[in-house]
């Protein structure tokens, strides 16, 4: 199988994007897929959540994108067998401004990733909560897009904006970009609004929405403070089980013909 490069994108913060990035990458590694997580969020939560201390982040995604540092030198092993990471540092927050004057600024990440695709089955990119140049770099570098969506009142409104951006990127910069799927996060069946939003999202996007949802789960929230993905912190918690089932559904879905994107 060719390397599947999945950008985890949502311009809204607090939707479980980084949690999904960490645990999806971990679950893929757990089923034997050679995986890499690229931390492209200046907050660095994915790096912290996989137990990478600041002193180990000698070569970061910032150095790779802005200063042409070797992407191979940025690769770090994690606690998870089969999962590597390219960490980030707070300097990446300046990248949006610095990239403005850089030639082929939208292709910086893609040019670097192409050098290492032979090493991995999956590359997961954790994007910042915005649709700026860093996220555009991820969308240009990726061949798939996964959207974590919290079941809340403005969910569909934000999703429409994101879909518009994706369509622009496909038309102008990356015709190979396809939607891997939409995953409903922080799911709570006790909340009537949750079921209403789920119904609306499934009605609008059909089979693009994964059947598996990610529940609200205290153990999953605790895991990053211990520098571990949920699957290492507590493999038996409902969140860990949900991400393993999500990966099973994803792998099963990838054996089927690609669905037409709904935008």
Protein backbone atom coordinates (compact mmCIF):
# COMPACT_ATOMS: atom_id res chain seq x y z
CA UNK A 1 0.00 0.00 0.00
CA UNK A 2 1.17 3.50 -0.79
CA UNK A 3 1.65 5.81 2.17
CA UNK A 4 -1.63 7.32 3.28
CA UNK A 5 -1.09 10.89 4.47
CA UNK A 6 -4.01 12.02 6.63
CA UNK A 7 -4.44 15.61 7.76
CA UNK A 8 -6.58 15.92 10.92
CA UNK A 9 -8.31 19.25 10.42
CA UNK A 10 -10.91 21.41 12.07
CA UNK A 11 -10.57 25.19 12.31
CA UNK A 12 -12.37 25.13 15.64
CA UNK A 13 -10.40 24.34 18.78
CA UNK A 14 -11.52 21.92 21.47
CA UNK A 15 -13.09 19.34 19.17
CA UNK A 16 -10.73 16.48 19.98
CA UNK A 17 -8.39 17.03 17.03
CA UNK A 18 -5.12 16.38 18.85
CA UNK A 19 -6.64 13.56 20.91
CA UNK A 20 -7.76 11.97 17.64
CA UNK A 21 -4.33 12.49 16.05
CA UNK A 22 -2.49 10.85 18.96
CA UNK A 23 -4.82 7.92 19.47
CA UNK A 24 -5.48 7.25 15.80
CA UNK A 25 -1.73 7.10 15.14
CA UNK A 26 -1.28 4.87 18.19
CA UNK A 27 -4.10 2.53 17.16
CA UNK A 28 -2.67 2.24 13.63
CA UNK A 29 0.72 1.32 15.07
CA UNK A 30 -0.98 -1.20 17.38
CA UNK A 31 -2.35 -3.09 14.37
CA UNK A 32 1.07 -3.22 12.73
CA UNK A 33 1.01 -0.13 10.52
CA UNK A 34 4.26 1.86 10.35
CA UNK A 35 3.07 5.28 11.48
CA UNK A 36 4.32 8.84 11.85
CA UNK A 37 2.63 11.72 13.63
CA UNK A 38 3.62 15.23 12.52
CA UNK A 39 2.84 17.88 15.14
CA UNK A 40 1.92 20.98 13.13
CA UNK A 41 0.12 22.78 15.95
CA UNK A 42 2.31 25.45 17.65
CA UNK A 43 0.76 24.51 21.00
CA UNK A 44 2.70 21.24 20.76
CA UNK A 45 0.03 19.19 22.54
CA UNK A 46 0.58 16.13 20.35
CA UNK A 47 4.30 16.17 21.20
CA UNK A 48 3.55 16.50 24.91
CA UNK A 49 0.81 13.88 24.73
CA UNK A 50 3.30 11.38 23.34
CA UNK A 51 5.82 12.13 26.07
CA UNK A 52 8.35 14.16 24.06
CA UNK A 53 10.06 16.68 26.43
CA UNK A 54 11.13 20.10 25.15
CA UNK A 55 14.85 19.24 25.35
CA UNK A 56 14.35 16.40 22.85
CA UNK A 57 12.76 18.65 20.23
CA UNK A 58 16.09 19.63 18.68
CA UNK A 59 14.77 19.51 15.13
CA UNK A 60 11.07 20.36 14.89
CA UNK A 61 8.39 20.77 12.25
CA UNK A 62 9.24 24.50 12.33
CA UNK A 63 12.85 23.79 11.35
CA UNK A 64 11.76 21.42 8.60
CA UNK A 65 9.25 23.79 7.02
CA UNK A 66 10.94 27.16 7.51
CA UNK A 67 14.66 26.36 7.54
CA UNK A 68 14.95 23.32 5.25
CA UNK A 69 16.35 21.14 8.03
CA UNK A 70 16.47 17.45 7.11
CA UNK A 71 13.13 15.84 7.88
CA UNK A 72 14.95 12.60 8.64
CA UNK A 73 16.75 14.35 11.52
CA UNK A 74 13.43 15.48 12.96
CA UNK A 75 12.10 11.92 13.36
CA UNK A 76 11.84 10.67 16.94
CA UNK A 77 10.70 7.32 18.25
CA UNK A 78 7.85 7.36 20.76
CA UNK A 79 6.80 5.09 23.61
CA UNK A 80 4.55 3.34 21.10
CA UNK A 81 6.31 0.62 19.06
CA UNK A 82 5.98 1.42 15.37
CA UNK A 83 5.05 5.09 15.92
CA UNK A 84 7.43 7.97 15.27
CA UNK A 85 6.82 11.68 15.71
CA UNK A 86 8.07 14.96 14.29
CA UNK A 87 7.60 17.28 17.27
CA UNK A 88 6.97 21.00 17.26
CA UNK A 89 8.09 24.03 19.26
CA UNK A 90 6.38 27.31 20.08
CA UNK A 91 8.43 29.03 17.33
CA UNK A 92 6.01 27.48 14.86
CA UNK A 93 3.47 30.13 15.91
CA UNK A 94 5.49 32.64 13.85
CA UNK A 95 5.37 30.46 10.75
CA UNK A 96 2.12 31.95 9.44
CA UNK A 97 3.85 35.31 9.08
CA UNK A 98 7.24 33.97 7.99
CA UNK A 99 5.75 31.82 5.24
CA UNK A 100 4.15 34.78 3.50
CA UNK A 101 7.41 35.76 1.75
CA UNK A 102 8.60 32.18 1.06
CA UNK A 103 8.48 30.88 -2.54
CA UNK A 104 6.00 28.00 -3.08
CA UNK A 105 4.92 28.54 0.50
CA UNK A 106 1.96 26.13 0.28
CA UNK A 107 4.22 23.23 -0.77
CA UNK A 108 6.92 23.40 1.92
CA UNK A 109 5.61 20.47 3.95
CA UNK A 110 4.77 18.35 0.92
CA UNK A 111 8.30 18.66 -0.48
CA UNK A 112 9.71 17.40 2.81
CA UNK A 113 7.21 14.60 3.40
CA UNK A 114 7.84 13.11 -0.03
CA UNK A 115 11.36 12.22 1.15
CA UNK A 116 10.08 9.80 3.82
CA UNK A 117 6.83 8.31 2.50
CA UNK A 118 8.64 5.04 1.78
CA UNK A 119 9.25 4.61 5.52
CA UNK A 120 5.60 4.63 6.60
CA UNK A 121 2.18 3.18 5.89
CA UNK A 122 0.45 6.16 7.52
CA UNK A 123 1.47 9.74 8.18
CA UNK A 124 -0.91 11.65 10.46
CA UNK A 125 -0.69 15.46 10.53
CA UNK A 126 -2.11 17.24 13.58
CA UNK A 127 -3.09 20.70 12.31
CA UNK A 128 -3.58 23.95 14.23
CA UNK A 129 -7.15 25.13 14.96
CA UNK A 130 -7.24 27.56 12.04
CA UNK A 131 -7.30 27.55 8.25
CA UNK A 132 -4.04 29.50 7.82
CA UNK A 133 -0.88 28.64 5.90
CA UNK A 134 0.15 25.79 8.19
CA UNK A 135 -3.16 24.00 7.65
CA UNK A 136 -3.00 24.73 3.92
CA UNK A 137 0.47 23.14 3.89
CA UNK A 138 -1.03 20.05 5.52
CA UNK A 139 -3.91 19.90 3.03
CA UNK A 140 -1.47 20.19 0.11
CA UNK A 141 0.81 17.49 1.55
CA UNK A 142 -2.01 15.08 2.42
CA UNK A 143 -3.93 12.71 0.21
CA UNK A 144 -6.68 12.29 2.79
CA UNK A 145 -8.55 14.52 5.22
CA UNK A 146 -10.12 13.41 8.50
CA UNK A 147 -12.43 15.79 10.32
CA UNK A 148 -13.13 15.41 14.06
CA UNK A 149 -16.50 17.00 14.77
CA UNK A 150 -17.87 17.79 18.20
CA UNK A 151 -21.62 17.37 18.51
CA UNK A 152 -22.56 20.96 19.31
CA UNK A 153 -24.86 23.66 17.96
CA UNK A 154 -22.49 25.35 15.46
CA UNK A 155 -20.87 22.13 14.22
CA UNK A 156 -22.42 22.12 10.74
CA UNK A 157 -21.78 25.83 10.21
CA UNK A 158 -18.05 25.40 10.84
CA UNK A 159 -17.97 22.25 8.73
CA UNK A 160 -19.43 24.13 5.75
CA UNK A 161 -16.59 26.67 5.97
CA UNK A 162 -13.99 23.91 6.13
CA UNK A 163 -15.50 22.09 3.15
CA UNK A 164 -15.29 25.30 1.12
CA UNK A 165 -11.59 25.61 1.93
CA UNK A 166 -11.02 21.96 1.02
CA UNK A 167 -12.70 22.49 -2.34
CA UNK A 168 -10.46 25.49 -3.06
CA UNK A 169 -7.35 23.48 -2.17
CA UNK A 170 -8.47 20.60 -4.40
CA UNK A 171 -9.14 22.89 -7.33
CA UNK A 172 -5.99 24.99 -7.10
CA UNK A 173 -3.28 23.10 -5.18
CA UNK A 174 -3.97 19.41 -4.57
CA UNK A 175 -6.41 17.55 -6.83
CA UNK A 176 -5.55 14.27 -5.07
CA UNK A 177 -7.05 15.35 -1.73
CA UNK A 178 -10.03 13.22 -0.68
CA UNK A 179 -12.06 13.03 2.50
CA UNK A 180 -11.14 10.02 4.62
CA UNK A 181 -14.11 10.60 6.88
CA UNK A 182 -15.83 12.61 9.58
CA UNK A 183 -15.63 11.32 13.15
CA UNK A 184 -18.02 12.50 15.86
CA UNK A 185 -16.14 13.27 19.08
CA UNK A 186 -17.01 13.99 22.73
CA UNK A 187 -20.16 12.02 22.12
CA UNK A 188 -22.74 11.86 24.92
CA UNK A 189 -25.97 9.95 24.31
CA UNK A 190 -27.51 11.55 27.40
CA UNK A 191 -27.45 14.92 25.65
CA UNK A 192 -30.38 15.47 23.30
CA UNK A 193 -28.40 17.97 21.25
CA UNK A 194 -25.76 15.30 20.56
CA UNK A 195 -28.31 13.04 18.89
CA UNK A 196 -29.78 15.94 16.92
CA UNK A 197 -26.36 17.01 15.59
CA UNK A 198 -25.49 13.39 14.77
CA UNK A 199 -28.71 13.04 12.80
CA UNK A 200 -28.03 16.26 10.87
CA UNK A 201 -24.40 15.38 10.07
CA UNK A 202 -25.28 11.87 8.93
CA UNK A 203 -28.12 13.27 6.81
CA UNK A 204 -25.83 15.77 5.06
CA UNK A 205 -22.70 13.62 4.67
CA UNK A 206 -23.97 10.06 4.65
CA UNK A 207 -21.29 7.38 4.46
CA UNK A 208 -18.49 9.91 4.95
CA UNK A 209 -19.42 9.88 8.65
CA UNK A 210 -17.91 6.97 10.57
CA UNK A 211 -20.35 4.71 12.38
CA UNK A 212 -17.93 4.61 15.31
CA UNK A 213 -18.14 7.66 17.58
CA UNK A 214 -15.67 8.81 20.25
CA UNK A 215 -17.33 9.19 23.65
CA UNK A 216 -16.58 11.68 26.37
CA UNK A 217 -14.16 9.85 28.63
CA UNK A 218 -12.30 10.99 31.74
CA UNK A 219 -9.45 8.49 31.35
CA UNK A 220 -8.79 9.74 27.83
CA UNK A 221 -8.64 13.32 29.12
CA UNK A 222 -6.16 12.32 31.83
CA UNK A 223 -3.76 10.49 29.51
CA UNK A 224 -1.92 13.53 27.98
CA UNK A 225 -0.86 14.78 31.42
CA UNK A 226 1.01 11.49 31.81
CA UNK A 227 2.67 11.83 28.38
CA UNK A 228 0.84 8.79 27.05
CA UNK A 229 -1.87 8.10 24.49
CA UNK A 230 -5.06 6.71 25.99
CA UNK A 231 -4.28 3.28 24.59
CA UNK A 232 -1.16 3.08 26.75
CA UNK A 233 -2.63 4.88 29.75
CA UNK A 234 -5.76 2.70 29.98
CA UNK A 235 -6.39 0.33 27.10
CA UNK A 236 -9.68 -0.78 28.64
CA UNK A 237 -11.32 2.65 28.89
CA UNK A 238 -14.17 3.46 26.54
CA UNK A 239 -12.09 6.03 24.64
CA UNK A 240 -9.28 3.57 23.87
CA UNK A 241 -11.75 0.95 22.69
CA UNK A 242 -13.47 3.54 20.49
CA UNK A 243 -10.25 4.49 18.70
CA UNK A 244 -9.37 0.85 18.08
CA UNK A 245 -12.82 0.30 16.59
CA UNK A 246 -12.44 3.49 14.55
CA UNK A 247 -9.20 2.17 13.03
CA UNK A 248 -10.88 -1.15 12.23
CA UNK A 249 -13.70 0.70 10.47
CA UNK A 250 -11.19 2.92 8.65
CA UNK A 251 -9.16 -0.03 7.38
CA UNK A 252 -12.31 -1.87 6.30
CA UNK A 253 -13.52 1.25 4.51
CA UNK A 254 -10.22 1.66 2.67
CA UNK A 255 -10.76 -1.71 1.00
CA UNK A 256 -13.89 -0.31 -0.65
CA UNK A 257 -14.06 2.04 -3.67
CA UNK A 258 -13.54 5.73 -2.83
CA UNK A 259 -16.78 7.56 -2.16
CA UNK A 260 -17.56 10.74 -4.02
CA UNK A 261 -16.75 13.68 -1.76
CA UNK A 262 -19.63 15.76 -0.51
CA UNK A 263 -18.70 19.43 -0.46
